[in-house]
N, C-alpha and C. Protein backbone atom coordinates (compact mmCIF):
# COMPACT_ATOMS: atom_id res chain seq x y z
N MET A 1 214.28 79.03 67.64
CA MET A 1 214.88 79.52 66.41
C MET A 1 216.34 79.88 66.68
N HIS A 2 217.22 79.50 65.79
CA HIS A 2 218.65 79.79 65.90
C HIS A 2 218.88 81.30 65.92
N ASP A 3 219.85 81.74 66.72
CA ASP A 3 220.13 83.18 66.86
C ASP A 3 220.45 83.85 65.53
N LEU A 4 221.18 83.15 64.64
CA LEU A 4 221.49 83.75 63.34
C LEU A 4 220.24 84.02 62.52
N LEU A 5 219.27 83.11 62.59
CA LEU A 5 218.02 83.31 61.83
C LEU A 5 217.27 84.54 62.33
N LYS A 6 217.38 84.84 63.61
CA LYS A 6 216.72 86.02 64.17
C LYS A 6 217.31 87.31 63.60
N GLN A 7 218.51 87.24 63.06
CA GLN A 7 219.19 88.41 62.50
C GLN A 7 218.89 88.63 61.02
N LEU A 8 218.00 87.82 60.46
CA LEU A 8 217.67 87.89 59.04
C LEU A 8 216.25 88.39 58.83
N THR A 9 216.12 89.35 57.94
CA THR A 9 214.81 89.78 57.44
C THR A 9 214.67 89.31 56.01
N ILE A 10 213.61 88.59 55.74
CA ILE A 10 213.27 88.23 54.37
C ILE A 10 212.19 89.20 53.91
N VAL A 11 212.51 89.94 52.87
CA VAL A 11 211.56 90.89 52.30
C VAL A 11 210.92 90.26 51.07
N ILE A 12 209.61 90.32 51.02
CA ILE A 12 208.86 89.78 49.89
C ILE A 12 208.02 90.91 49.29
N PRO A 13 208.47 91.47 48.16
CA PRO A 13 207.61 92.44 47.48
C PRO A 13 206.43 91.69 46.86
N VAL A 14 205.24 92.22 47.06
CA VAL A 14 204.03 91.52 46.63
C VAL A 14 203.23 92.41 45.69
N TYR A 15 202.84 91.85 44.56
CA TYR A 15 201.86 92.50 43.71
C TYR A 15 201.09 91.44 42.93
N ASN A 16 199.83 91.26 43.31
CA ASN A 16 198.93 90.35 42.60
C ASN A 16 199.53 88.97 42.34
N ASP A 17 199.91 88.32 43.42
CA ASP A 17 200.48 86.96 43.32
C ASP A 17 199.78 86.02 44.30
N ALA A 18 198.48 86.19 44.47
CA ALA A 18 197.72 85.42 45.46
C ALA A 18 197.86 83.91 45.28
N LYS A 19 198.01 83.47 44.06
CA LYS A 19 198.07 82.03 43.78
C LYS A 19 199.24 81.36 44.51
N TYR A 20 200.34 82.05 44.65
CA TYR A 20 201.56 81.44 45.21
C TYR A 20 201.94 81.99 46.58
N LEU A 21 201.35 83.08 46.97
CA LEU A 21 201.83 83.83 48.13
C LEU A 21 201.84 83.05 49.44
N ALA A 22 200.79 82.32 49.75
CA ALA A 22 200.74 81.59 51.01
C ALA A 22 201.88 80.56 51.10
N SER A 23 202.13 79.84 50.02
CA SER A 23 203.22 78.84 50.06
C SER A 23 204.58 79.52 50.16
N THR A 24 204.72 80.70 49.58
CA THR A 24 205.96 81.46 49.71
C THR A 24 206.18 81.84 51.17
N ILE A 25 205.18 82.42 51.80
CA ILE A 25 205.30 82.84 53.19
C ILE A 25 205.55 81.64 54.09
N GLU A 26 204.81 80.57 53.89
CA GLU A 26 205.00 79.35 54.69
C GLU A 26 206.44 78.86 54.62
N SER A 27 207.04 78.94 53.44
CA SER A 27 208.40 78.43 53.28
C SER A 27 209.42 79.30 54.01
N CYS A 28 209.05 80.51 54.38
CA CYS A 28 209.97 81.45 55.04
C CYS A 28 209.85 81.44 56.57
N LEU A 29 208.78 80.93 57.10
CA LEU A 29 208.53 81.06 58.54
C LEU A 29 209.65 80.48 59.41
N SER A 30 210.26 79.40 59.00
CA SER A 30 211.34 78.80 59.79
C SER A 30 212.72 79.24 59.30
N GLU A 31 212.75 80.20 58.37
CA GLU A 31 214.02 80.60 57.75
C GLU A 31 214.51 81.99 58.14
N ALA A 32 213.72 82.74 58.91
CA ALA A 32 214.12 84.11 59.26
C ALA A 32 213.37 84.60 60.49
N GLY A 33 213.99 85.54 61.18
CA GLY A 33 213.34 86.14 62.34
C GLY A 33 212.22 87.08 61.95
N THR A 34 212.38 87.76 60.81
CA THR A 34 211.38 88.70 60.34
C THR A 34 211.07 88.46 58.88
N ILE A 35 209.80 88.49 58.56
CA ILE A 35 209.34 88.43 57.17
C ILE A 35 208.54 89.71 56.94
N ALA A 36 209.00 90.50 55.99
CA ALA A 36 208.34 91.78 55.69
C ALA A 36 207.68 91.69 54.32
N LEU A 37 206.38 91.80 54.32
CA LEU A 37 205.59 91.70 53.09
C LEU A 37 205.26 93.11 52.62
N TYR A 38 205.85 93.53 51.52
CA TYR A 38 205.62 94.87 50.97
C TYR A 38 204.63 94.76 49.83
N ASP A 39 203.36 94.96 50.19
CA ASP A 39 202.25 94.81 49.25
C ASP A 39 202.08 96.11 48.47
N ASN A 40 202.28 96.02 47.18
CA ASN A 40 202.26 97.18 46.30
C ASN A 40 200.85 97.43 45.73
N ALA A 41 199.88 97.55 46.65
CA ALA A 41 198.48 97.83 46.30
C ALA A 41 197.87 96.74 45.43
N SER A 42 198.06 95.49 45.85
CA SER A 42 197.48 94.36 45.12
C SER A 42 195.96 94.43 45.09
N THR A 43 195.38 93.84 44.04
CA THR A 43 193.92 93.85 43.88
C THR A 43 193.33 92.45 43.72
N ASP A 44 194.16 91.42 43.92
CA ASP A 44 193.71 90.05 43.64
C ASP A 44 193.53 89.18 44.88
N GLY A 45 193.52 89.78 46.07
CA GLY A 45 193.42 89.00 47.30
C GLY A 45 194.76 88.83 48.00
N SER A 46 195.84 89.27 47.38
CA SER A 46 197.17 89.17 48.01
C SER A 46 197.22 89.95 49.32
N SER A 47 196.59 91.11 49.35
CA SER A 47 196.60 91.94 50.56
C SER A 47 195.97 91.21 51.73
N GLU A 48 194.90 90.50 51.48
CA GLU A 48 194.22 89.76 52.54
C GLU A 48 195.09 88.61 53.04
N ILE A 49 195.81 87.96 52.15
CA ILE A 49 196.73 86.88 52.55
C ILE A 49 197.84 87.46 53.43
N CYS A 50 198.41 88.58 53.02
CA CYS A 50 199.45 89.24 53.81
C CYS A 50 198.93 89.60 55.20
N ALA A 51 197.75 90.21 55.24
CA ALA A 51 197.16 90.62 56.52
C ALA A 51 196.90 89.43 57.42
N ASP A 52 196.46 88.32 56.84
CA ASP A 52 196.19 87.11 57.62
C ASP A 52 197.47 86.58 58.27
N TYR A 53 198.56 86.51 57.51
CA TYR A 53 199.83 86.02 58.09
C TYR A 53 200.37 86.98 59.13
N ALA A 54 200.24 88.27 58.91
CA ALA A 54 200.70 89.25 59.90
C ALA A 54 199.89 89.12 61.20
N ALA A 55 198.61 88.81 61.08
CA ALA A 55 197.77 88.63 62.26
C ALA A 55 198.10 87.33 63.00
N ARG A 56 198.39 86.27 62.25
CA ARG A 56 198.70 84.98 62.86
C ARG A 56 200.11 84.92 63.45
N TYR A 57 201.03 85.67 62.89
CA TYR A 57 202.43 85.66 63.33
C TYR A 57 202.90 87.09 63.61
N PRO A 58 202.28 87.77 64.57
CA PRO A 58 202.57 89.20 64.77
C PRO A 58 204.00 89.51 65.20
N GLN A 59 204.69 88.57 65.81
CA GLN A 59 206.07 88.79 66.22
C GLN A 59 207.05 88.61 65.08
N GLN A 60 206.60 87.98 64.00
CA GLN A 60 207.52 87.63 62.92
C GLN A 60 207.17 88.25 61.57
N VAL A 61 205.89 88.38 61.26
CA VAL A 61 205.47 88.82 59.92
C VAL A 61 204.91 90.24 59.99
N ARG A 62 205.45 91.10 59.13
CA ARG A 62 204.95 92.47 59.01
C ARG A 62 204.33 92.64 57.62
N HIS A 63 203.20 93.31 57.59
CA HIS A 63 202.53 93.60 56.32
C HIS A 63 202.52 95.10 56.12
N ILE A 64 203.22 95.54 55.11
CA ILE A 64 203.26 96.95 54.76
C ILE A 64 202.47 97.10 53.47
N LYS A 65 201.30 97.69 53.55
CA LYS A 65 200.43 97.83 52.39
C LYS A 65 200.54 99.25 51.85
N GLN A 66 200.99 99.36 50.61
CA GLN A 66 201.10 100.66 49.98
C GLN A 66 199.70 101.15 49.61
N PRO A 67 199.39 102.44 49.82
CA PRO A 67 198.07 102.96 49.50
C PRO A 67 197.81 103.02 48.00
N LYS A 68 198.89 103.08 47.22
CA LYS A 68 198.77 103.02 45.76
C LYS A 68 200.02 102.31 45.23
N ASN A 69 199.95 101.83 44.02
CA ASN A 69 201.08 101.13 43.43
C ASN A 69 202.22 102.13 43.20
N LEU A 70 203.34 101.86 43.84
CA LEU A 70 204.51 102.73 43.76
C LEU A 70 205.44 102.36 42.61
N GLY A 71 205.18 101.21 42.00
CA GLY A 71 206.12 100.65 41.05
C GLY A 71 207.08 99.74 41.81
N ALA A 72 207.62 98.76 41.13
CA ALA A 72 208.47 97.76 41.77
C ALA A 72 209.70 98.37 42.44
N PHE A 73 210.37 99.28 41.76
CA PHE A 73 211.60 99.85 42.29
C PHE A 73 211.36 100.62 43.58
N GLU A 74 210.37 101.49 43.62
CA GLU A 74 210.10 102.28 44.82
C GLU A 74 209.65 101.40 45.98
N ASN A 75 208.86 100.38 45.70
CA ASN A 75 208.41 99.46 46.73
C ASN A 75 209.61 98.74 47.33
N MET A 76 210.53 98.30 46.49
CA MET A 76 211.72 97.59 46.94
C MET A 76 212.67 98.54 47.69
N LYS A 77 212.79 99.75 47.21
CA LYS A 77 213.66 100.74 47.86
C LYS A 77 213.19 101.01 49.29
N MET A 78 211.89 101.09 49.47
CA MET A 78 211.33 101.30 50.80
C MET A 78 211.67 100.12 51.71
N ALA A 79 211.58 98.91 51.17
CA ALA A 79 211.90 97.71 51.95
C ALA A 79 213.36 97.73 52.41
N LEU A 80 214.26 98.11 51.54
CA LEU A 80 215.68 98.19 51.91
C LEU A 80 215.89 99.23 53.00
N ALA A 81 215.26 100.37 52.87
CA ALA A 81 215.42 101.45 53.84
C ALA A 81 214.86 101.07 55.22
N ASP A 82 213.83 100.25 55.25
CA ASP A 82 213.18 99.87 56.51
C ASP A 82 213.88 98.74 57.26
N CYS A 83 214.75 98.01 56.60
CA CYS A 83 215.38 96.84 57.21
C CYS A 83 216.31 97.25 58.35
N THR A 84 216.15 96.63 59.52
CA THR A 84 216.98 96.95 60.68
C THR A 84 217.83 95.78 61.16
N THR A 85 217.71 94.62 60.53
CA THR A 85 218.52 93.47 60.93
C THR A 85 219.85 93.47 60.18
N PRO A 86 220.86 92.78 60.72
CA PRO A 86 222.16 92.73 60.05
C PRO A 86 222.12 92.04 58.68
N TYR A 87 221.19 91.11 58.51
CA TYR A 87 221.10 90.37 57.26
C TYR A 87 219.75 90.59 56.60
N PHE A 88 219.76 90.59 55.28
CA PHE A 88 218.60 90.93 54.47
C PHE A 88 218.55 89.96 53.29
N SER A 89 217.37 89.48 52.98
CA SER A 89 217.18 88.63 51.82
C SER A 89 215.93 89.09 51.08
N LEU A 90 215.98 89.02 49.78
CA LEU A 90 214.85 89.41 48.94
C LEU A 90 214.33 88.16 48.24
N LEU A 91 213.04 87.94 48.32
CA LEU A 91 212.43 86.75 47.74
C LEU A 91 211.19 87.16 46.96
N GLY A 92 211.03 86.62 45.76
CA GLY A 92 209.84 86.88 44.97
C GLY A 92 208.61 86.29 45.63
N SER A 93 207.47 86.90 45.41
CA SER A 93 206.23 86.44 46.04
C SER A 93 205.70 85.14 45.43
N HIS A 94 206.40 84.60 44.46
CA HIS A 94 206.03 83.33 43.86
C HIS A 94 207.14 82.30 44.03
N ASP A 95 208.14 82.62 44.87
CA ASP A 95 209.27 81.72 45.11
C ASP A 95 209.11 81.02 46.45
N GLN A 96 209.89 79.96 46.66
CA GLN A 96 209.84 79.22 47.92
C GLN A 96 211.24 78.87 48.36
N LEU A 97 211.44 78.81 49.67
CA LEU A 97 212.71 78.36 50.23
C LEU A 97 212.54 76.94 50.74
N THR A 98 213.58 76.15 50.59
CA THR A 98 213.56 74.80 51.17
C THR A 98 213.96 74.90 52.63
N ALA A 99 213.52 73.95 53.42
CA ALA A 99 213.86 73.93 54.84
C ALA A 99 215.38 73.90 55.01
N GLY A 100 215.88 74.75 55.88
CA GLY A 100 217.31 74.81 56.15
C GLY A 100 218.11 75.64 55.16
N TYR A 101 217.45 76.38 54.31
CA TYR A 101 218.13 77.17 53.28
C TYR A 101 218.98 78.29 53.88
N SER A 102 218.44 79.04 54.80
CA SER A 102 219.07 80.28 55.27
C SER A 102 220.27 80.08 56.19
N LEU A 103 220.20 79.14 57.10
CA LEU A 103 221.22 79.01 58.14
C LEU A 103 222.64 78.81 57.60
N PRO A 104 222.86 77.93 56.64
CA PRO A 104 224.24 77.78 56.13
C PRO A 104 224.77 79.07 55.49
N LEU A 105 223.91 79.81 54.82
CA LEU A 105 224.33 81.07 54.21
C LEU A 105 224.70 82.09 55.28
N LEU A 106 223.87 82.19 56.31
CA LEU A 106 224.14 83.12 57.40
C LEU A 106 225.40 82.74 58.16
N ALA A 107 225.60 81.43 58.36
CA ALA A 107 226.80 80.98 59.06
C ALA A 107 228.05 81.36 58.28
N THR A 108 228.01 81.21 56.98
CA THR A 108 229.15 81.59 56.13
C THR A 108 229.40 83.09 56.21
N LEU A 109 228.35 83.88 56.08
CA LEU A 109 228.50 85.34 56.15
C LEU A 109 229.02 85.81 57.51
N SER A 110 228.54 85.20 58.57
CA SER A 110 228.91 85.65 59.91
C SER A 110 230.37 85.33 60.25
N LYS A 111 230.97 84.39 59.56
CA LYS A 111 232.36 84.00 59.83
C LYS A 111 233.38 84.85 59.09
N ASP A 112 232.93 85.61 58.09
CA ASP A 112 233.88 86.34 57.25
C ASP A 112 233.32 87.73 56.92
N ASP A 113 233.84 88.75 57.60
CA ASP A 113 233.35 90.12 57.40
C ASP A 113 233.61 90.67 56.01
N SER A 114 234.48 90.02 55.25
CA SER A 114 234.75 90.52 53.90
C SER A 114 233.66 90.10 52.90
N LEU A 115 232.79 89.19 53.31
CA LEU A 115 231.69 88.74 52.44
C LEU A 115 230.49 89.66 52.59
N SER A 116 229.84 89.94 51.48
CA SER A 116 228.64 90.77 51.54
C SER A 116 227.44 90.11 50.87
N LEU A 117 227.63 88.92 50.29
CA LEU A 117 226.56 88.26 49.56
C LEU A 117 226.73 86.75 49.66
N ALA A 118 225.63 86.05 49.89
CA ALA A 118 225.64 84.60 49.87
C ALA A 118 224.40 84.14 49.12
N CYS A 119 224.52 83.06 48.38
CA CYS A 119 223.42 82.56 47.56
C CYS A 119 223.45 81.05 47.53
N GLY A 120 222.29 80.45 47.63
CA GLY A 120 222.18 79.01 47.56
C GLY A 120 221.75 78.56 46.18
N SER A 121 221.52 77.28 46.04
CA SER A 121 221.08 76.72 44.77
C SER A 121 219.60 77.03 44.53
N ILE A 122 219.25 77.10 43.26
CA ILE A 122 217.88 77.40 42.86
C ILE A 122 217.33 76.23 42.06
N GLN A 123 216.18 75.71 42.49
CA GLN A 123 215.48 74.66 41.76
C GLN A 123 214.32 75.32 41.04
N HIS A 124 214.32 75.27 39.74
CA HIS A 124 213.26 75.91 38.97
C HIS A 124 212.01 75.01 38.95
N MET A 125 210.84 75.66 38.93
CA MET A 125 209.58 74.92 38.82
C MET A 125 208.61 75.70 37.96
N ASP A 126 207.61 75.01 37.47
CA ASP A 126 206.64 75.68 36.62
C ASP A 126 205.50 76.26 37.46
N GLU A 127 204.51 76.85 36.80
CA GLU A 127 203.43 77.52 37.51
C GLU A 127 202.54 76.57 38.31
N ASN A 128 202.67 75.26 38.09
CA ASN A 128 201.91 74.27 38.85
C ASN A 128 202.70 73.70 40.03
N GLY A 129 203.94 74.17 40.21
CA GLY A 129 204.78 73.69 41.31
C GLY A 129 205.59 72.45 40.96
N THR A 130 205.57 72.05 39.69
CA THR A 130 206.34 70.89 39.26
C THR A 130 207.80 71.30 39.08
N HIS A 131 208.69 70.56 39.75
CA HIS A 131 210.12 70.86 39.63
C HIS A 131 210.61 70.52 38.23
N LEU A 132 211.34 71.44 37.65
CA LEU A 132 211.88 71.26 36.31
C LEU A 132 213.32 70.74 36.41
N LYS A 133 213.83 70.23 35.31
CA LYS A 133 215.22 69.75 35.31
C LYS A 133 216.21 70.90 35.48
N LYS A 134 215.81 72.10 35.10
CA LYS A 134 216.70 73.26 35.18
C LYS A 134 217.01 73.56 36.66
N ARG A 135 218.28 73.73 36.94
CA ARG A 135 218.74 74.02 38.30
C ARG A 135 219.92 74.98 38.21
N THR A 136 219.94 75.98 39.04
CA THR A 136 221.05 76.91 39.11
C THR A 136 221.78 76.66 40.44
N THR A 137 223.04 76.36 40.36
CA THR A 137 223.82 76.04 41.55
C THR A 137 224.84 77.13 41.83
N ALA A 138 224.90 77.55 43.07
CA ALA A 138 225.87 78.56 43.48
C ALA A 138 227.12 77.86 44.00
N TYR A 139 228.25 78.46 43.77
CA TYR A 139 229.52 77.91 44.26
C TYR A 139 230.21 78.92 45.14
């Protein structure tokens, strides 16, 4: 894994998104040194998916299971406070990264200390995973 990727934590707040969660986590494994799954007391099997990935990838995936639903803001606030890497990314539990997404963004950020945010293009898809014509491009 590239040294810059080791400096990135991808935080995924999770609440009842079992349908998409495994593919979201899979898309992140080659994109960051740490993946932190902040499970907000899910009841649909999401917790078990998080625990499975944390067990299979103990050096890379952390599962933080809240004992009760804290609400989205508090769950996210905790994730920000816990991050110890120089770079941080937030990803929805139903989103996916394409291969090679993170490295160009990290390379850009690491070359210019005046930058505090980098964003790539977004390909929208429906609930079945079908890519839609809608695309958001960052410049």
